[in-house]
Each structure stands twice: as C-alpha cells, then as structure tokens.
C-alpha cells in the first residue's frame, strides 16, 4: 500500500515538472519570436529611411500575432 502511494506521489511530481518545462519553453520561444520580429523591423528601418518606423511597428505586431498563434497551437 505504501509503495503505491509513493509511486503516485512521484508521478504527480514528474507531471508538475513536465508542465513547468513545457510552459517555460513556450515562454522562451514566444520571447525569441517577438525579439526576432523587433530586431528585423529595426534593421529594415535602418535600410529604408522613413520618418515613421513602419517596419518596426509592423514586424512587432506580426511577431506578437505569430507567437500567440504558436502558443495556442502548442497548447491545443
């Protein structure tokens, strides 16, 4: 009986650890996608000079949308 309780407790701990790793990895991937979009937009704005940083704003919004899509797809 005690052995069965120990294995259930261990499985619950591993399940919690797996969830922690899954969600923290997802957060880092979302951050990476957004940072790449912002960096790409800044670099394009340096190449194509305009008064308004159009590419930075556009790529930032698109990268946020892409990272949210990726997160929702991964969670479902």
C-alpha atoms as a PDB file:
ATOM      1  CA  UNK A   1       0.000   0.000   0.000  1.00  0.00           C
ATOM      2  CA  UNK A   2       2.798   2.422   0.880  1.00  0.00           C
ATOM      3  CA  UNK A   3       4.614   1.617  -2.332  1.00  0.00           C
ATOM      4  CA  UNK A   4       1.530   2.517  -4.375  1.00  0.00           C
ATOM      5  CA  UNK A   5       1.250   5.916  -2.627  1.00  0.00           C
ATOM      6  CA  UNK A   6       4.921   6.646  -3.281  1.00  0.00           C
ATOM      7  CA  UNK A   7       4.631   5.909  -6.981  1.00  0.00           C
ATOM      8  CA  UNK A   8       1.525   8.133  -7.295  1.00  0.00           C
ATOM      9  CA  UNK A   9       3.317  10.947  -5.475  1.00  0.00           C
ATOM     10  CA  UNK A  10       6.360  10.565  -7.704  1.00  0.00           C
ATOM     11  CA  UNK A  11       4.193  10.577 -10.851  1.00  0.00           C
ATOM     12  CA  UNK A  12       2.465  13.771  -9.679  1.00  0.00           C
ATOM     13  CA  UNK A  13       5.833  15.425  -9.074  1.00  0.00           C
ATOM     14  CA  UNK A  14       7.080  14.410 -12.524  1.00  0.00           C
ATOM     15  CA  UNK A  15       3.858  15.630 -14.114  1.00  0.00           C
ATOM     16  CA  UNK A  16       4.268  19.009 -12.429  1.00  0.00           C
ATOM     17  CA  UNK A  17       7.878  19.208 -13.562  1.00  0.00           C
ATOM     18  CA  UNK A  18       6.910  18.321 -17.131  1.00  0.00           C
ATOM     19  CA  UNK A  19       4.291  21.079 -17.156  1.00  0.00           C
ATOM     20  CA  UNK A  20       6.830  23.556 -15.787  1.00  0.00           C
ATOM     21  CA  UNK A  21       9.329  22.687 -18.517  1.00  0.00           C
ATOM     22  CA  UNK A  22       6.651  22.780 -21.223  1.00  0.00           C
ATOM     23  CA  UNK A  23       5.349  26.234 -20.315  1.00  0.00           C
ATOM     24  CA  UNK A  24       8.731  27.803 -19.637  1.00  0.00           C
ATOM     25  CA  UNK A  25       9.981  26.550 -23.011  1.00  0.00           C
ATOM     26  CA  UNK A  26       6.886  28.010 -24.649  1.00  0.00           C
ATOM     27  CA  UNK A  27       7.550  31.379 -22.992  1.00  0.00           C
ATOM     28  CA  UNK A  28      11.156  31.463 -24.207  1.00  0.00           C
ATOM     29  CA  UNK A  29      10.041  30.573 -27.735  1.00  0.00           C
ATOM     30  CA  UNK A  30       7.474  33.376 -27.704  1.00  0.00           C
ATOM     31  CA  UNK A  31      10.107  35.846 -26.489  1.00  0.00           C
ATOM     32  CA  UNK A  32      12.500  34.719 -29.224  1.00  0.00           C
ATOM     33  CA  UNK A  33       9.875  35.139 -31.956  1.00  0.00           C
ATOM     34  CA  UNK A  34       8.962  38.635 -30.766  1.00  0.00           C
ATOM     35  CA  UNK A  35      12.589  39.730 -30.405  1.00  0.00           C
ATOM     36  CA  UNK A  36      13.398  38.495 -33.910  1.00  0.00           C
ATOM     37  CA  UNK A  37      10.463  40.470 -35.289  1.00  0.00           C
ATOM     38  CA  UNK A  38      11.511  43.635 -33.478  1.00  0.00           C
ATOM     39  CA  UNK A  39      15.158  43.251 -34.496  1.00  0.00           C
ATOM     40  CA  UNK A  40      14.207  42.568 -38.119  1.00  0.00           C
ATOM     41  CA  UNK A  41      11.954  45.621 -38.174  1.00  0.00           C
ATOM     42  CA  UNK A  42      14.688  47.851 -36.737  1.00  0.00           C
ATOM     43  CA  UNK A  43      17.194  46.604 -39.304  1.00  0.00           C
ATOM     44  CA  UNK A  44      14.767  47.194 -42.184  1.00  0.00           C
ATOM     45  CA  UNK A  45      14.036  50.698 -40.907  1.00  0.00           C
ATOM     46  CA  UNK A  46      17.763  51.421 -40.986  1.00  0.00           C
ATOM     47  CA  UNK A  47      17.950  50.321 -44.638  1.00  0.00           C
ATOM     48  CA  UNK A  48      14.782  52.111 -45.772  1.00  0.00           C
ATOM     49  CA  UNK A  49      14.790  55.548 -44.120  1.00  0.00           C
ATOM     50  CA  UNK A  50      11.349  56.940 -43.313  1.00  0.00           C
ATOM     51  CA  UNK A  51      10.016  59.459 -40.831  1.00  0.00           C
ATOM     52  CA  UNK A  52       7.895  56.818 -39.110  1.00  0.00           C
ATOM     53  CA  UNK A  53       9.413  53.422 -38.125  1.00  0.00           C
ATOM     54  CA  UNK A  54       6.873  51.480 -40.162  1.00  0.00           C
ATOM     55  CA  UNK A  55       8.745  48.171 -40.374  1.00  0.00           C
ATOM     56  CA  UNK A  56       9.478  48.084 -36.650  1.00  0.00           C
ATOM     57  CA  UNK A  57       5.820  48.558 -35.783  1.00  0.00           C
ATOM     58  CA  UNK A  58       4.621  46.166 -38.479  1.00  0.00           C
ATOM     59  CA  UNK A  59       7.082  43.384 -37.668  1.00  0.00           C
ATOM     60  CA  UNK A  60       6.482  43.772 -33.927  1.00  0.00           C
ATOM     61  CA  UNK A  61       2.726  43.369 -34.320  1.00  0.00           C
ATOM     62  CA  UNK A  62       3.132  40.459 -36.734  1.00  0.00           C
ATOM     63  CA  UNK A  63       5.607  38.691 -34.462  1.00  0.00           C
ATOM     64  CA  UNK A  64       3.279  39.048 -31.463  1.00  0.00           C
ATOM     65  CA  UNK A  65       0.422  37.580 -33.512  1.00  0.00           C
ATOM     66  CA  UNK A  66       2.681  34.776 -34.730  1.00  0.00           C
ATOM     67  CA  UNK A  67       3.884  33.952 -31.230  1.00  0.00           C
ATOM     68  CA  UNK A  68       0.302  33.875 -29.914  1.00  0.00           C
ATOM     69  CA  UNK A  69      -0.716  31.577 -32.771  1.00  0.00           C
ATOM     70  CA  UNK A  70       2.232  29.307 -32.000  1.00  0.00           C
ATOM     71  CA  UNK A  71       1.368  29.247 -28.289  1.00  0.00           C
ATOM     72  CA  UNK A  72      -2.291  28.434 -28.870  1.00  0.00           C
ATOM     73  CA  UNK A  73      -1.408  25.763 -31.417  1.00  0.00           C
ATOM     74  CA  UNK A  74       1.046  24.207 -28.962  1.00  0.00           C
ATOM     75  CA  UNK A  75      -1.426  24.227 -26.054  1.00  0.00           C
ATOM     76  CA  UNK A  76      -4.250  22.625 -28.023  1.00  0.00           C
END
